[in-house]
Amino acid sequence: MTHPLLQEHADLATAVGILDDWTAHRIQQRHQPGLAIGIVYAGELLWGKGYGKADLGTGKPVTLDSRFRIASITKTFTATGILQLRDAGKLGLDDPVSQHLDWFDLRYGNAPEITIRNLLTHTSGLPRDSKNAMWTECEAPTRDEFIADTRTRAPTRPPYEKFAYSNLGYSLLGGVIAAVTGQTWAEYLQTKVLDPLGMSETRPVPSADDPMLATGYTREKDGYRRDAFGFWLMNGFEASANFASSVNDLVKYAGFHLGLAEGAVLSPYALLDMHRVHWLDEGWKGGYGLGLGLHRIQDWVISGHGGGYPGYLTAFSVCREHKTGVIVLTNALGSDPHVYVEQAYKLALPEIIKAMAEDKPEAQEDWARYVGVYESEWGRQKVVVRDGQLQIVSLDWIDEKPTILEPTDKAGVFTLKQSGQSNETLRFELDDDGEVLRMWERSEYSTRVDG
């Protein structure tokens, strides 16, 4: 069934059609086995499609219900569980890991102890993976082996010195969840995250005989051949990369991360905390939040996570500002899901923004009395009506974004919507004839000078 936005906005439908044809063409050119993609808007599937085969042997097609090993997207679920426990007062992000895992005593020299926050933000200084060839031999240690091996893994640097991605660190967070709740990591996420969000088709612990699980394949070899990987689980490393899910189920998860899901499992404040930068990249082009990476595509801030598993490469992302998300799941190495994500945003998001702009708020008639130039010793500003909003433009800093004045239920009183500032109050002071004398921003004022 076609989403109403595609029916109502021809340019958006055209952009999605281009994405569809380009995706099919690229998959054919690159001889990819299969791919599923979904664009989410306001918590619903705007458009999605499966391409190619979930299994090359049987010819079973990929659909939006096909399950893929989503690998490190798992980390976003683990981080959600940790923040739930933080909000419930069961742990603190600055708790030492040793406070919850009595066997954990790793420390870099005389540096501070490694904390839960360090694990969440990949700033613990711990190694990346198992000391065994986990990813090439497709075999992960058991939980007991994980504990025994981890106790011998000295940190490579002190906490907070550098971002260094660590599956080992997120696997420790799974242990923290189990220690704090008395449930296994999988049981806790099933009952406290997946069930409340209605994600009935997502599996923390996938099954080899799952008929909906797409087969994962190698990189392309001579003669366009791809070999199937065998099924295996992450075992002791499960909290870092074990999940399997589908586009249709991840649409519900995207709605949660956009702050629009029913039965939300985190407070809006904790959700904001996940999606803000806690570690900034050296080039200042992106960073890492709490279980989520952040980067820019054109002018848009995108948050989410990629995943890589033998046979599967995946990507989950949202643009919270514009209530949009893109999900791409593939069942072969060398398939680069981020290319499809980027093109989906570049093609569809401008049209989504344009479509939503057609429903702009309407200016109120009495706002005309406030329009004019105001001045104080600190600068000169102009109040204007633009785009259906009352705005303040700085005449000294003309390139800065305007301040939006959001109406309240009191005449002449507005809420300041200003980058980098709290939502405080602006008030227009009138004389006995109803003419504006001053504009009070918080506790300071500017005088009307164009009357």
Protein backbone atom coordinates (compact mmCIF):
# COMPACT_ATOMS: atom_id res chain seq x y z
CA MET A 1 0.00 0.00 0.00
CA THR A 2 1.38 3.41 -1.02
CA HIS A 3 1.99 5.90 1.79
CA PRO A 4 -0.26 9.01 1.55
CA LEU A 5 2.79 11.30 1.34
CA LEU A 6 3.87 9.58 -1.87
CA GLN A 7 0.37 9.93 -3.27
CA GLU A 8 0.12 13.61 -2.36
CA HIS A 9 3.61 14.80 -3.32
CA ALA A 10 4.71 13.93 -6.84
CA ASP A 11 8.30 15.12 -6.38
CA LEU A 12 8.74 12.85 -3.37
CA ALA A 13 7.32 9.91 -5.31
CA THR A 14 9.70 10.70 -8.17
CA ALA A 15 12.70 10.81 -5.78
CA VAL A 16 11.74 7.42 -4.31
CA GLY A 17 11.30 6.02 -7.82
CA ILE A 18 14.82 7.15 -8.72
CA LEU A 19 16.17 5.54 -5.55
CA ASP A 20 14.34 2.32 -6.39
CA ASP A 21 15.73 2.10 -9.91
CA TRP A 22 19.24 3.13 -8.84
CA THR A 23 19.27 0.50 -6.05
CA ALA A 24 18.15 -2.26 -8.42
CA HIS A 25 20.77 -1.18 -10.97
CA ARG A 26 23.60 -1.04 -8.45
CA ILE A 27 22.74 -4.45 -6.99
CA GLN A 28 22.77 -5.94 -10.48
CA GLN A 29 26.08 -4.26 -11.36
CA ARG A 30 27.72 -5.50 -8.16
CA HIS A 31 26.13 -8.96 -8.27
CA GLN A 32 24.84 -8.60 -4.72
CA PRO A 33 22.70 -11.50 -3.47
CA GLY A 34 20.06 -9.43 -1.68
CA LEU A 35 19.15 -6.17 0.04
CA ALA A 36 16.20 -4.77 1.96
CA ILE A 37 15.71 -1.02 2.39
CA GLY A 38 13.17 1.08 4.24
CA ILE A 39 12.60 4.83 4.55
CA VAL A 40 10.79 5.82 7.74
CA TYR A 41 8.85 9.02 8.25
CA ALA A 42 7.16 10.00 11.55
CA GLY A 43 7.44 6.43 12.84
CA GLU A 44 5.87 4.77 9.78
CA LEU A 45 7.28 3.04 6.73
CA LEU A 46 7.18 5.66 3.97
CA TRP A 47 8.61 3.29 1.39
CA GLY A 48 10.49 0.02 1.41
CA LYS A 49 11.47 -2.85 -0.84
CA GLY A 50 13.37 -6.11 -0.97
CA TYR A 51 15.78 -6.85 -3.82
CA GLY A 52 17.47 -10.04 -4.91
CA LYS A 53 17.64 -13.32 -3.05
CA ALA A 54 17.61 -14.22 0.62
CA ASP A 55 19.02 -17.60 -0.42
CA LEU A 56 20.80 -18.16 -3.72
CA GLY A 57 20.29 -21.90 -3.55
CA THR A 58 16.53 -21.91 -3.17
CA GLY A 59 15.89 -18.60 -4.94
CA LYS A 60 13.88 -17.32 -2.00
CA PRO A 61 13.41 -13.55 -2.48
CA VAL A 62 14.29 -10.84 0.00
CA THR A 63 11.24 -9.11 1.52
CA LEU A 64 10.80 -6.48 4.20
CA ASP A 65 10.15 -9.35 6.63
CA SER A 66 13.40 -11.18 5.81
CA ARG A 67 15.63 -11.34 8.88
CA PHE A 68 19.31 -10.42 8.70
CA ARG A 69 22.05 -10.60 11.31
CA ILE A 70 22.24 -6.88 12.14
CA ALA A 71 25.56 -7.25 13.98
CA SER A 72 26.68 -4.09 15.79
CA ILE A 73 23.27 -2.43 15.56
CA THR A 74 22.87 -4.72 18.58
CA LYS A 75 24.93 -2.18 20.53
CA THR A 76 22.09 0.35 20.32
CA PHE A 77 19.79 -2.11 22.11
CA THR A 78 22.40 -2.86 24.77
CA ALA A 79 22.90 0.87 25.35
CA THR A 80 19.12 1.33 25.63
CA GLY A 81 19.03 -1.33 28.34
CA ILE A 82 21.84 0.34 30.27
CA LEU A 83 20.08 3.73 30.13
CA GLN A 84 16.85 2.15 31.34
CA LEU A 85 18.72 0.86 34.38
CA ARG A 86 20.35 4.26 34.88
CA ASP A 87 16.94 5.95 34.84
CA ALA A 88 15.60 3.36 37.28
CA GLY A 89 18.42 4.14 39.71
CA LYS A 90 19.94 0.65 39.39
CA LEU A 91 23.30 1.94 38.20
CA GLY A 92 25.16 5.14 37.32
CA LEU A 93 27.03 5.76 34.10
CA ASP A 94 30.08 6.81 36.10
CA ASP A 95 30.03 3.65 38.21
CA PRO A 96 33.24 1.64 37.88
CA VAL A 97 32.60 -1.55 35.95
CA SER A 98 34.06 -3.45 38.92
CA GLN A 99 31.13 -2.23 41.05
CA HIS A 100 28.80 -4.49 39.06
CA LEU A 101 31.17 -7.20 37.79
CA ASP A 102 33.13 -8.46 40.78
CA TRP A 103 35.56 -10.38 38.57
CA PHE A 104 36.57 -7.29 36.56
CA ASP A 105 39.74 -5.61 37.79
CA LEU A 106 41.41 -4.34 34.60
CA ARG A 107 43.02 -0.92 34.93
CA TYR A 108 45.62 1.07 33.04
CA GLY A 109 48.46 1.82 35.47
CA ASN A 110 47.42 4.46 37.97
CA ALA A 111 44.64 5.81 35.75
CA PRO A 112 41.05 6.01 37.04
CA GLU A 113 38.94 2.88 36.94
CA ILE A 114 37.06 2.03 33.75
CA THR A 115 33.42 3.13 34.02
CA ILE A 116 30.16 2.15 32.37
CA ARG A 117 30.28 5.47 30.49
CA ASN A 118 33.69 4.48 29.10
CA LEU A 119 32.23 1.25 27.76
CA LEU A 120 29.22 3.03 26.24
CA THR A 121 31.38 5.63 24.47
CA HIS A 122 34.27 3.34 23.44
CA THR A 123 36.71 5.30 25.60
CA SER A 124 37.73 2.51 27.97
CA GLY A 125 41.15 1.78 26.47
CA LEU A 126 40.20 -1.91 26.22
CA PRO A 127 41.10 -4.02 23.16
CA ARG A 128 38.60 -4.35 20.33
CA ASP A 129 37.84 -8.07 20.23
CA SER A 130 38.61 -11.55 21.49
CA LYS A 131 42.22 -12.68 21.52
CA ASN A 132 41.10 -15.53 19.24
CA ALA A 133 40.42 -15.23 15.49
CA MET A 134 36.70 -14.75 16.11
CA TRP A 135 35.74 -13.03 12.86
CA THR A 136 37.80 -15.14 10.46
CA GLU A 137 37.12 -18.52 12.07
CA CYS A 138 33.47 -17.62 12.82
CA GLU A 139 33.62 -18.88 16.37
CA ALA A 140 33.12 -16.83 19.52
CA PRO A 141 34.12 -17.77 23.08
CA THR A 142 31.55 -18.90 25.62
CA ARG A 143 30.71 -16.56 28.50
CA ASP A 144 33.08 -18.41 30.84
CA GLU A 145 35.85 -18.28 28.22
CA PHE A 146 35.10 -14.59 27.65
CA ILE A 147 35.55 -13.82 31.35
CA ALA A 148 38.74 -15.87 31.61
CA ASP A 149 40.22 -14.26 28.48
CA THR A 150 39.17 -10.72 29.39
CA ARG A 151 40.93 -10.90 32.74
CA THR A 152 44.20 -11.27 30.83
CA ARG A 153 43.57 -8.34 28.42
CA ALA A 154 45.40 -5.26 29.67
CA PRO A 155 43.97 -1.89 28.54
CA THR A 156 46.07 -0.26 25.84
CA ARG A 157 45.57 3.32 27.15
CA PRO A 158 43.89 5.14 30.02
CA PRO A 159 40.15 5.93 29.92
CA TYR A 160 39.01 8.98 27.90
CA GLU A 161 42.35 9.37 26.10
CA LYS A 162 40.97 8.27 22.75
CA PHE A 163 37.91 6.78 21.06
CA ALA A 164 38.71 3.16 20.24
CA TYR A 165 35.87 0.90 19.12
CA SER A 166 35.53 -2.13 21.37
CA ASN A 167 33.24 -5.13 20.99
CA LEU A 168 34.79 -6.37 24.20
CA GLY A 169 33.54 -3.26 26.02
CA TYR A 170 29.93 -3.70 24.87
CA SER A 171 30.06 -7.37 25.76
CA LEU A 172 30.96 -6.30 29.28
CA LEU A 173 27.82 -4.12 29.30
CA GLY A 174 25.79 -7.26 28.64
CA GLY A 175 27.31 -8.72 31.77
CA VAL A 176 26.44 -5.57 33.71
CA ILE A 177 22.79 -5.86 32.62
CA ALA A 178 22.69 -9.48 33.76
CA ALA A 179 24.38 -8.73 37.09
CA VAL A 180 22.07 -5.80 37.90
CA THR A 181 18.78 -7.41 36.82
CA GLY A 182 19.25 -11.10 37.59
CA GLN A 183 18.11 -11.87 34.03
CA THR A 184 20.23 -12.83 31.08
CA TRP A 185 21.10 -10.03 28.66
CA ALA A 186 18.72 -11.51 26.07
CA GLU A 187 15.84 -11.97 28.52
CA TYR A 188 16.12 -8.41 29.76
CA LEU A 189 16.14 -6.82 26.30
CA GLN A 190 13.28 -9.05 25.16
CA THR A 191 10.99 -8.10 28.05
CA LYS A 192 12.03 -4.48 28.59
CA VAL A 193 12.78 -3.26 25.05
CA LEU A 194 11.49 -5.53 22.29
CA ASP A 195 8.13 -6.53 23.79
CA PRO A 196 7.10 -2.98 24.77
CA LEU A 197 7.99 -1.73 21.27
CA GLY A 198 6.07 -4.57 19.61
CA MET A 199 9.22 -5.87 17.91
CA SER A 200 8.01 -9.46 17.71
CA GLU A 201 10.18 -10.35 14.71
CA THR A 202 13.52 -9.36 16.25
CA ARG A 203 15.73 -12.02 17.83
CA PRO A 204 18.45 -11.30 20.44
CA VAL A 205 19.52 -14.94 20.00
CA PRO A 206 18.80 -16.04 16.40
CA SER A 207 18.17 -19.64 15.39
CA ALA A 208 19.91 -21.60 12.65
CA ASP A 209 16.60 -23.13 11.49
CA ASP A 210 14.77 -19.79 11.24
CA PRO A 211 12.98 -19.90 7.85
CA MET A 212 12.95 -16.06 7.68
CA LEU A 213 16.71 -15.71 8.19
CA ALA A 214 18.52 -14.68 5.01
CA THR A 215 21.65 -16.69 4.21
CA GLY A 216 24.85 -14.68 4.55
CA TYR A 217 27.45 -14.78 1.76
CA THR A 218 31.14 -14.03 1.22
CA ARG A 219 32.63 -11.31 -0.92
CA GLU A 220 32.43 -11.93 -4.65
CA LYS A 221 34.97 -14.44 -5.94
CA ASP A 222 36.05 -15.55 -9.42
CA GLY A 223 33.15 -16.13 -11.77
CA TYR A 224 30.85 -13.98 -9.62
CA ARG A 225 30.75 -16.83 -7.11
CA ARG A 226 29.75 -16.26 -3.50
CA ASP A 227 29.95 -18.92 -0.82
CA ALA A 228 27.53 -19.19 2.07
CA PHE A 229 28.77 -18.67 5.61
CA GLY A 230 27.76 -21.14 8.28
CA PHE A 231 25.49 -20.11 11.15
CA TRP A 232 27.11 -19.15 14.45
CA LEU A 233 26.36 -17.09 17.54
CA MET A 234 28.40 -14.46 19.37
CA ASN A 235 28.14 -16.31 22.71
CA GLY A 236 30.22 -14.33 25.24
CA PHE A 237 30.30 -11.37 22.84
CA GLU A 238 26.53 -11.42 22.23
CA ALA A 239 25.77 -7.96 23.68
CA SER A 240 27.94 -6.40 20.98
CA ALA A 241 26.64 -8.05 17.80
CA ASN A 242 24.17 -10.94 18.12
CA PHE A 243 20.75 -9.60 17.04
CA ALA A 244 18.76 -10.52 13.94
CA SER A 245 15.94 -8.33 12.66
CA SER A 246 13.97 -7.20 9.60
CA VAL A 247 13.26 -3.85 7.99
CA ASN A 248 9.62 -4.01 9.09
CA ASP A 249 10.57 -4.55 12.73
CA LEU A 250 13.32 -1.94 12.66
CA VAL A 251 10.75 0.59 11.44
CA LYS A 252 9.23 0.32 14.93
CA TYR A 253 12.68 0.80 16.45
CA ALA A 254 13.24 3.87 14.29
CA GLY A 255 9.95 5.29 15.56
CA PHE A 256 11.27 4.86 19.11
CA HIS A 257 14.53 6.65 18.30
CA LEU A 258 12.58 9.45 16.64
CA GLY A 259 10.65 9.86 19.90
CA LEU A 260 7.37 8.83 18.26
CA ALA A 261 6.78 5.24 19.37
CA GLU A 262 3.94 4.10 21.55
CA GLY A 263 5.11 2.22 24.62
CA ALA A 264 8.41 4.11 24.60
CA VAL A 265 11.03 2.39 26.70
CA LEU A 266 13.14 5.44 27.58
CA SER A 267 12.31 8.92 28.78
CA PRO A 268 12.68 11.63 26.11
CA TYR A 269 15.59 13.00 28.15
CA ALA A 270 17.48 9.71 28.09
CA LEU A 271 16.77 9.40 24.37
CA LEU A 272 18.24 12.85 23.77
CA ASP A 273 21.28 11.78 25.78
CA MET A 274 21.79 8.79 23.49
CA HIS A 275 21.68 10.97 20.38
CA ARG A 276 24.00 13.78 21.46
CA VAL A 277 27.75 13.69 20.93
CA HIS A 278 29.71 12.37 23.92
CA TRP A 279 32.92 11.92 21.97
CA LEU A 280 33.83 14.24 19.10
CA ASP A 281 35.90 12.96 16.18
CA GLU A 282 39.28 14.60 15.65
CA GLY A 283 38.05 16.22 12.43
CA TRP A 284 34.87 17.52 14.13
CA LYS A 285 32.78 15.93 11.38
CA GLY A 286 31.04 13.45 13.63
CA GLY A 287 31.20 11.67 16.94
CA TYR A 288 29.71 9.01 19.17
CA GLY A 289 26.81 9.26 21.57
CA LEU A 290 25.64 6.52 23.92
CA GLY A 291 25.49 3.48 21.65
CA LEU A 292 25.04 5.59 18.51
CA GLY A 293 27.37 7.22 16.02
CA LEU A 294 26.64 10.71 14.69
CA HIS A 295 27.70 12.25 11.37
CA ARG A 296 26.48 14.66 8.73
CA ILE A 297 24.98 14.04 5.33
CA GLN A 298 24.88 17.48 3.73
CA ASP A 299 23.32 19.76 6.38
CA TRP A 300 21.53 16.98 8.28
CA VAL A 301 22.71 15.32 11.49
CA ILE A 302 22.30 11.56 11.18
CA SER A 303 22.55 9.22 14.17
CA GLY A 304 22.57 5.46 14.14
CA HIS A 305 24.86 2.46 13.79
CA GLY A 306 26.25 0.15 11.17
CA GLY A 307 26.78 -3.57 11.51
CA GLY A 308 29.22 -6.09 10.05
CA TYR A 309 28.95 -9.86 10.53
CA PRO A 310 30.26 -12.71 8.38
CA GLY A 311 27.73 -12.68 5.55
CA TYR A 312 25.90 -9.48 6.51
CA LEU A 313 26.47 -5.72 6.33
CA THR A 314 23.74 -3.46 7.70
CA ALA A 315 22.91 0.13 8.64
CA PHE A 316 20.28 1.74 10.87
CA SER A 317 19.92 5.52 10.98
CA VAL A 318 17.60 8.39 11.86
CA CYS A 319 17.51 12.14 11.25
CA ARG A 320 15.67 13.26 14.36
CA GLU A 321 15.26 16.87 13.24
CA HIS A 322 13.16 15.81 10.25
CA LYS A 323 11.49 12.68 11.73
CA THR A 324 13.08 10.49 9.06
CA GLY A 325 15.04 7.24 9.13
CA VAL A 326 16.74 4.91 6.67
CA ILE A 327 17.38 1.18 7.19
CA VAL A 328 19.47 -0.99 4.86
CA LEU A 329 20.11 -4.70 5.41
CA THR A 330 22.27 -6.83 3.10
CA ASN A 331 23.30 -10.49 3.10
CA ALA A 332 26.81 -10.32 1.65
CA LEU A 333 30.18 -8.87 2.47
CA GLY A 334 31.39 -6.11 0.17
CA SER A 335 27.88 -4.68 -0.18
CA ASP A 336 28.43 -1.25 1.49
CA PRO A 337 24.97 -0.43 2.93
CA HIS A 338 26.03 3.13 3.80
CA VAL A 339 26.09 4.05 0.09
CA TYR A 340 22.37 3.22 -0.12
CA VAL A 341 21.65 5.07 3.13
CA GLU A 342 23.37 8.21 1.89
CA GLN A 343 21.57 8.17 -1.46
CA ALA A 344 18.23 7.61 0.26
CA TYR A 345 18.71 10.72 2.37
CA LYS A 346 20.03 12.82 -0.52
CA LEU A 347 17.14 11.89 -2.80
CA ALA A 348 14.18 11.65 -0.42
CA LEU A 349 14.85 13.95 2.53
CA PRO A 350 14.81 17.28 0.60
CA GLU A 351 11.41 16.28 -0.81
CA ILE A 352 10.12 15.25 2.62
CA ILE A 353 11.22 18.61 4.02
CA LYS A 354 9.55 20.41 1.10
CA ALA A 355 6.34 18.41 1.53
CA MET A 356 6.17 19.21 5.23
CA ALA A 357 6.89 22.89 4.59
CA GLU A 358 3.61 23.11 2.69
CA ASP A 359 1.88 22.85 6.07
CA LYS A 360 3.61 25.91 7.52
CA PRO A 361 2.02 27.67 10.49
CA GLU A 362 0.07 30.81 9.68
CA ALA A 363 1.08 34.18 11.10
CA GLN A 364 -1.33 35.83 13.52
CA GLU A 365 -2.74 39.19 12.50
CA ASP A 366 -1.75 41.01 15.70
CA TRP A 367 1.93 40.15 15.18
CA ALA A 368 2.22 43.10 12.80
CA ARG A 369 2.38 45.49 15.76
CA TYR A 370 5.64 43.88 16.93
CA VAL A 371 7.44 44.14 13.58
CA GLY A 372 10.26 46.70 13.64
CA VAL A 373 13.82 47.54 14.71
CA TYR A 374 14.93 47.33 18.34
CA GLU A 375 18.20 48.54 19.80
CA SER A 376 20.24 48.42 22.98
CA GLU A 377 23.91 49.02 23.78
CA TRP A 378 24.46 45.34 22.93
CA GLY A 379 23.19 45.51 19.37
CA ARG A 380 20.41 46.14 16.87
CA GLN A 381 17.76 43.57 15.94
CA LYS A 382 14.77 43.42 13.67
CA VAL A 383 11.51 41.61 14.39
CA VAL A 384 9.93 40.20 11.24
CA VAL A 385 7.12 37.89 10.20
CA ARG A 386 8.52 35.19 7.92
CA ASP A 387 7.55 31.60 7.05
CA GLY A 388 4.45 31.96 9.19
CA GLN A 389 6.57 32.73 12.26
CA LEU A 390 7.52 35.76 14.31
CA GLN A 391 11.32 35.95 14.16
CA ILE A 392 14.18 38.11 15.45
CA VAL A 393 17.07 38.77 13.07
CA SER A 394 20.33 40.21 14.40
CA LEU A 395 21.44 43.17 12.25
CA ASP A 396 24.93 42.89 13.75
CA TRP A 397 25.27 39.13 13.08
CA ILE A 398 23.21 38.75 9.95
CA ASP A 399 24.51 35.25 9.11
CA GLU A 400 23.29 33.75 12.38
CA LYS A 401 20.05 31.78 12.41
CA PRO A 402 17.01 33.84 13.41
CA THR A 403 15.44 33.44 16.82
CA ILE A 404 11.92 32.05 16.60
CA LEU A 405 9.25 33.52 18.87
CA GLU A 406 6.80 30.77 19.78
CA PRO A 407 3.39 32.06 20.95
CA THR A 408 2.16 31.40 24.50
CA ASP A 409 -1.35 31.73 25.88
CA LYS A 410 -0.54 35.29 27.02
CA ALA A 411 -0.79 38.21 24.58
CA GLY A 412 2.58 39.74 23.75
CA VAL A 413 4.49 36.96 25.53
CA PHE A 414 6.54 34.43 23.56
CA THR A 415 8.97 31.57 24.17
CA LEU A 416 12.45 32.15 22.75
CA LYS A 417 13.53 29.34 20.42
CA GLN A 418 17.19 30.17 20.01
CA SER A 419 20.18 27.98 19.20
CA GLY A 420 22.33 27.33 22.24
CA GLN A 421 19.90 28.98 24.68
CA SER A 422 17.24 27.82 27.11
CA ASN A 423 13.57 28.24 26.21
CA GLU A 424 13.08 31.46 28.15
CA THR A 425 10.56 34.26 27.77
CA LEU A 426 10.33 37.31 25.52
CA ARG A 427 7.75 40.02 26.28
CA PHE A 428 6.69 43.13 24.34
CA GLU A 429 5.96 46.17 26.53
CA LEU A 430 3.16 48.41 25.20
CA ASP A 431 2.18 51.99 26.01
CA ASP A 432 -1.35 53.15 26.82
CA ASP A 433 -2.15 53.40 23.11
CA GLY A 434 -1.05 49.82 22.44
CA GLU A 435 2.17 50.82 20.71
CA VAL A 436 5.32 48.80 21.40
CA LEU A 437 7.89 50.56 23.59
CA ARG A 438 10.34 47.82 24.43
CA MET A 439 11.14 44.20 23.77
CA TRP A 440 12.16 42.31 26.91
CA GLU A 441 14.35 39.26 26.29
CA ARG A 442 14.60 37.38 29.56
CA SER A 443 15.37 40.23 31.98
CA GLU A 444 16.97 42.66 29.50
CA TYR A 445 15.32 45.04 27.08
CA SER A 446 15.77 46.70 23.69
CA THR A 447 13.97 49.90 22.72
CA ARG A 448 11.84 50.24 19.61
CA VAL A 449 13.69 52.70 17.32
CA ASP A 450 11.79 52.66 14.02
CA GLY A 451 8.58 54.27 15.28
